[in-house]
C-alpha atoms as a PDB file:
ATOM      1  CA  MET A   1      39.751  74.672  53.181  1.00  0.00           C
ATOM      2  CA  GLU A   2      36.388  76.245  52.503  1.00  0.00           C
ATOM      3  CA  HIS A   3      34.097  76.490  49.368  1.00  0.00           C
ATOM      4  CA  CYS A   4      31.286  79.130  49.495  1.00  0.00           C
ATOM      5  CA  GLY A   5      31.605  79.404  53.225  1.00  0.00           C
ATOM      6  CA  GLN A   6      31.298  75.641  53.927  1.00  0.00           C
ATOM      7  CA  SER A   7      34.012  73.292  54.783  1.00  0.00           C
ATOM      8  CA  MET A   8      35.102  70.793  52.105  1.00  0.00           C
ATOM      9  CA  SER A   9      33.762  67.874  53.988  1.00  0.00           C
ATOM     10  CA  SER A  10      30.174  69.364  54.216  1.00  0.00           C
ATOM     11  CA  TYR A  11      30.590  70.412  50.573  1.00  0.00           C
ATOM     12  CA  ASN A  12      31.552  66.827  49.520  1.00  0.00           C
ATOM     13  CA  SER A  13      28.584  65.254  51.657  1.00  0.00           C
ATOM     14  CA  MET A  14      26.121  67.786  50.000  1.00  0.00           C
ATOM     15  CA  PHE A  15      27.603  67.055  46.524  1.00  0.00           C
ATOM     16  CA  SER A  16      26.969  63.382  47.205  1.00  0.00           C
ATOM     17  CA  PHE A  17      23.465  64.063  48.161  1.00  0.00           C
ATOM     18  CA  ILE A  18      22.831  66.007  45.006  1.00  0.00           C
ATOM     19  CA  ASP A  19      24.495  63.347  42.831  1.00  0.00           C
ATOM     20  CA  SER A  20      22.216  60.601  44.400  1.00  0.00           C
ATOM     21  CA  TRP A  21      18.868  62.245  45.251  1.00  0.00           C
ATOM     22  CA  LEU A  22      17.265  61.403  41.966  1.00  0.00           C
ATOM     23  CA  PHE A  23      18.508  57.882  42.089  1.00  0.00           C
ATOM     24  CA  PHE A  24      16.847  57.371  45.437  1.00  0.00           C
ATOM     25  CA  ALA A  25      13.680  58.912  44.123  1.00  0.00           C
ATOM     26  CA  GLY A  26      13.769  56.481  41.346  1.00  0.00           C
ATOM     27  CA  VAL A  27      14.402  53.636  43.834  1.00  0.00           C
ATOM     28  CA  PHE A  28      11.461  54.939  45.924  1.00  0.00           C
ATOM     29  CA  ILE A  29       9.202  55.104  42.765  1.00  0.00           C
ATOM     30  CA  GLN A  30      10.198  51.432  41.872  1.00  0.00           C
ATOM     31  CA  ARG A  31       9.751  50.237  45.478  1.00  0.00           C
ATOM     32  CA  TYR A  32       6.138  51.642  45.652  1.00  0.00           C
ATOM     33  CA  LYS A  33       5.458  51.195  41.872  1.00  0.00           C
ATOM     34  CA  GLU A  34       2.031  49.363  42.561  1.00  0.00           C
ATOM     35  CA  ARG A  35       0.841  52.363  44.612  1.00  0.00           C
ATOM     36  CA  MET A  36       2.334  55.184  42.585  1.00  0.00           C
ATOM     37  CA  LEU A  37       2.148  54.074  38.976  1.00  0.00           C
ATOM     38  CA  GLY A  38      -1.619  54.623  38.604  1.00  0.00           C
ATOM     39  CA  HIS A  39      -1.330  58.102  39.734  1.00  0.00           C
ATOM     40  CA  LEU A  40       1.694  58.941  37.620  1.00  0.00           C
ATOM     41  CA  ILE A  41      -0.098  57.456  34.610  1.00  0.00           C
ATOM     42  CA  LYS A  42      -3.269  59.479  35.153  1.00  0.00           C
ATOM     43  CA  PHE A  43      -1.607  62.682  36.045  1.00  0.00           C
ATOM     44  CA  TRP A  44       1.551  62.821  33.896  1.00  0.00           C
ATOM     45  CA  TRP A  45       0.105  65.870  32.143  1.00  0.00           C
ATOM     46  CA  VAL A  46      -0.207  67.747  35.501  1.00  0.00           C
ATOM     47  CA  TYR A  47       3.524  67.040  36.127  1.00  0.00           C
ATOM     48  CA  PHE A  48       4.453  68.281  32.750  1.00  0.00           C
ATOM     49  CA  THR A  49       2.286  71.458  33.137  1.00  0.00           C
ATOM     50  CA  LEU A  50       3.819  72.044  36.544  1.00  0.00           C
ATOM     51  CA  TYR A  51       7.321  71.527  34.943  1.00  0.00           C
ATOM     52  CA  VAL A  52       6.603  74.033  32.154  1.00  0.00           C
ATOM     53  CA  ILE A  53       5.278  76.531  34.801  1.00  0.00           C
ATOM     54  CA  ASN A  54       8.272  75.928  37.055  1.00  0.00           C
ATOM     55  CA  VAL A  55      10.756  76.556  34.182  1.00  0.00           C
ATOM     56  CA  SER A  56       8.889  79.623  32.940  1.00  0.00           C
ATOM     57  CA  VAL A  57       8.471  81.302  36.234  1.00  0.00           C
ATOM     58  CA  GLY A  58      11.883  80.129  37.559  1.00  0.00           C
ATOM     59  CA  MET A  59      10.759  79.420  41.127  1.00  0.00           C
ATOM     60  CA  ASP A  60      12.489  76.460  42.563  1.00  0.00           C
ATOM     61  CA  ILE A  61      14.555  75.220  45.416  1.00  0.00           C
ATOM     62  CA  TYR A  62      18.173  75.398  44.429  1.00  0.00           C
ATOM     63  CA  VAL A  63      20.930  73.554  46.262  1.00  0.00           C
ATOM     64  CA  MET A  64      24.329  74.607  44.746  1.00  0.00           C
ATOM     65  CA  LYS A  65      22.477  75.860  41.689  1.00  0.00           C
ATOM     66  CA  TYR A  66      20.643  72.500  41.165  1.00  0.00           C
ATOM     67  CA  PRO A  67      16.945  72.966  40.542  1.00  0.00           C
ATOM     68  CA  MET A  68      15.336  70.304  42.899  1.00  0.00           C
ATOM     69  CA  ILE A  69      11.738  70.637  42.349  1.00  0.00           C
ATOM     70  CA  ARG A  70      12.233  71.015  38.462  1.00  0.00           C
ATOM     71  CA  CYS A  71      14.087  67.744  38.292  1.00  0.00           C
ATOM     72  CA  LEU A  72      11.542  65.934  40.452  1.00  0.00           C
ATOM     73  CA  LEU A  73       8.629  67.196  38.322  1.00  0.00           C
ATOM     74  CA  LEU A  74      10.465  66.170  35.104  1.00  0.00           C
ATOM     75  CA  THR A  75      11.099  62.680  36.568  1.00  0.00           C
ATOM     76  CA  LEU A  76       7.448  62.152  37.542  1.00  0.00           C
ATOM     77  CA  PHE A  77       6.323  63.446  34.227  1.00  0.00           C
ATOM     78  CA  MET A  78       8.766  61.087  32.191  1.00  0.00           C
ATOM     79  CA  ILE A  79       7.770  58.081  34.279  1.00  0.00           C
ATOM     80  CA  GLY A  80       4.033  58.640  34.024  1.00  0.00           C
ATOM     81  CA  PHE A  81       4.211  59.556  30.249  1.00  0.00           C
ATOM     82  CA  ALA A  82       6.306  56.362  29.489  1.00  0.00           C
ATOM     83  CA  TYR A  83       3.957  54.060  31.159  1.00  0.00           C
ATOM     84  CA  ARG A  84       0.984  55.846  29.830  1.00  0.00           C
ATOM     85  CA  TYR A  85       2.164  55.478  26.222  1.00  0.00           C
ATOM     86  CA  PRO A  86       4.344  52.336  26.212  1.00  0.00           C
ATOM     87  CA  MET A  87       3.616  51.708  22.421  1.00  0.00           C
ATOM     88  CA  ILE A  88       5.377  54.818  21.116  1.00  0.00           C
ATOM     89  CA  HIS A  89       8.135  53.348  19.025  1.00  0.00           C
ATOM     90  CA  VAL A  90      10.682  55.235  17.188  1.00  0.00           C
ATOM     91  CA  GLY A  91      12.349  52.526  15.296  1.00  0.00           C
ATOM     92  CA  LYS A  92      15.706  51.904  16.889  1.00  0.00           C
ATOM     93  CA  ASP A  93      15.919  51.830  20.652  1.00  0.00           C
ATOM     94  CA  VAL A  94      18.196  54.804  21.271  1.00  0.00           C
ATOM     95  CA  SER A  95      17.469  55.094  25.146  1.00  0.00           C
ATOM     96  CA  TYR A  96      20.933  53.937  26.206  1.00  0.00           C
ATOM     97  CA  GLY A  97      22.626  56.323  23.606  1.00  0.00           C
ATOM     98  CA  VAL A  98      20.458  59.129  25.118  1.00  0.00           C
ATOM     99  CA  TYR A  99      21.484  58.076  28.557  1.00  0.00           C
ATOM    100  CA  ILE A 100      25.272  58.095  27.545  1.00  0.00           C
ATOM    101  CA  TYR A 101      25.332  61.274  25.607  1.00  0.00           C
ATOM    102  CA  HIS A 102      22.661  63.721  26.943  1.00  0.00           C
ATOM    103  CA  MET A 103      24.769  65.369  29.583  1.00  0.00           C
ATOM    104  CA  ILE A 104      27.562  66.142  27.250  1.00  0.00           C
ATOM    105  CA  PHE A 105      25.240  68.451  25.345  1.00  0.00           C
ATOM    106  CA  VAL A 106      23.557  69.774  28.302  1.00  0.00           C
ATOM    107  CA  ASN A 107      26.861  70.760  29.910  1.00  0.00           C
ATOM    108  CA  ILE A 108      27.851  72.361  26.559  1.00  0.00           C
ATOM    109  CA  ALA A 109      24.696  74.431  26.657  1.00  0.00           C
ATOM    110  CA  ILE A 110      25.280  75.399  30.192  1.00  0.00           C
ATOM    111  CA  ALA A 111      28.997  76.170  29.602  1.00  0.00           C
ATOM    112  CA  LEU A 112      27.835  78.476  26.709  1.00  0.00           C
ATOM    113  CA  GLY A 113      25.446  80.230  28.981  1.00  0.00           C
ATOM    114  CA  TYR A 114      22.187  78.823  27.558  1.00  0.00           C
ATOM    115  CA  THR A 115      20.432  78.111  30.726  1.00  0.00           C
ATOM    116  CA  ARG A 116      16.962  79.560  30.348  1.00  0.00           C
ATOM    117  CA  SER A 117      16.639  79.182  26.432  1.00  0.00           C
ATOM    118  CA  TRP A 118      13.884  77.023  24.927  1.00  0.00           C
ATOM    119  CA  MET A 119      15.702  77.074  21.638  1.00  0.00           C
ATOM    120  CA  ALA A 120      18.868  75.592  23.342  1.00  0.00           C
ATOM    121  CA  PHE A 121      16.683  73.001  25.028  1.00  0.00           C
ATOM    122  CA  GLY A 122      15.368  71.985  21.750  1.00  0.00           C
ATOM    123  CA  ILE A 123      18.676  71.876  20.113  1.00  0.00           C
ATOM    124  CA  VAL A 124      20.093  69.691  22.945  1.00  0.00           C
ATOM    125  CA  ILE A 125      17.259  67.249  22.484  1.00  0.00           C
ATOM    126  CA  VAL A 126      17.739  67.110  18.704  1.00  0.00           C
ATOM    127  CA  VAL A 127      21.467  66.696  18.835  1.00  0.00           C
ATOM    128  CA  THR A 128      21.361  64.126  21.636  1.00  0.00           C
ATOM    129  CA  TRP A 129      18.884  62.076  19.817  1.00  0.00           C
ATOM    130  CA  ALA A 130      20.775  62.353  16.568  1.00  0.00           C
ATOM    131  CA  VAL A 131      24.141  61.304  18.247  1.00  0.00           C
ATOM    132  CA  ALA A 132      22.372  58.551  20.059  1.00  0.00           C
ATOM    133  CA  TYR A 133      20.634  57.227  17.022  1.00  0.00           C
ATOM    134  CA  PHE A 134      23.841  57.225  14.823  1.00  0.00           C
ATOM    135  CA  SER A 135      25.835  55.749  17.670  1.00  0.00           C
ATOM    136  CA  THR A 136      23.168  52.981  17.965  1.00  0.00           C
ATOM    137  CA  ILE A 137      23.308  52.271  14.101  1.00  0.00           C
ATOM    138  CA  PHE A 138      27.168  52.401  13.644  1.00  0.00           C
ATOM    139  CA  VAL A 139      28.679  51.324  16.999  1.00  0.00           C
ATOM    140  CA  GLY A 140      25.777  49.150  18.174  1.00  0.00           C
ATOM    141  CA  GLU A 141      25.314  47.235  14.889  1.00  0.00           C
ATOM    142  CA  TYR A 142      29.111  46.812  14.355  1.00  0.00           C
ATOM    143  CA  SER A 143      29.389  45.479  17.855  1.00  0.00           C
ATOM    144  CA  ARG A 144      26.673  42.980  17.303  1.00  0.00           C
ATOM    145  CA  ARG A 145      28.276  41.840  14.252  1.00  0.00           C
ATOM    146  CA  ILE A 146      31.619  41.326  15.782  1.00  0.00           C
ATOM    147  CA  LYS A 147      30.012  39.505  18.827  1.00  0.00           C
ATOM    148  CA  GLU A 148      28.150  37.180  16.453  1.00  0.00           C
ATOM    149  CA  ARG A 149      31.389  36.351  14.647  1.00  0.00           C
ATOM    150  CA  ILE A 150      33.181  35.764  17.819  1.00  0.00           C
ATOM    151  CA  LEU A 151      30.344  33.494  19.117  1.00  0.00           C
ATOM    152  CA  SER A 152      29.987  31.546  15.890  1.00  0.00           C
ATOM    153  CA  ALA A 153      33.626  31.005  15.711  1.00  0.00           C
ATOM    154  CA  GLY A 154      33.697  29.527  19.176  1.00  0.00           C
ATOM    155  CA  ARG A 155      31.208  26.703  18.182  1.00  0.00           C
END
C-alpha cells in the first residue's frame, strides 16, 4: 500500500518522527539547559522576530505539510520568554487546560481552511484560553472539592 508515493511503512516511520521531534527538541533543551537557557533568555525576541518573519514570508521546510522551522522558532521563543518573564501571572494557572484544549481549536481552524490568517490565530488563542480558564474554574475546582471530601472522609 502506498501513500504519496511512499510505502506505508516509511510513511509510518516518518509520521512517528514528525510526532516526536519537538518532544526530543525539548529533551535536548532540558538536558543542556545550563548551556542554552542564558542564550534563550537573552535572545527570545530574536526567535520571536524570526518566527513572525517566517510566518509572513511562508518560507519553511515542510515535511508532510508540517512547518519544521516555524515550530522550532516558536518553541525557542516560548521557552526563552517564559524564563525571561517568570513573574507574569494571570490569576489561575491555565497551562494544563491550554495544553489539553489548544489542538482542538487549531485543528478546527485548519479544517475550516484558516491556515494563514492572523485573525484565526488570535481567535484560536482567545478561545483556547477561555475554554482552559473555565475548565480550570469549573472542572478543576469541583475535582478539588471532591478530592478533599474523599480524603477527609478517609481520616
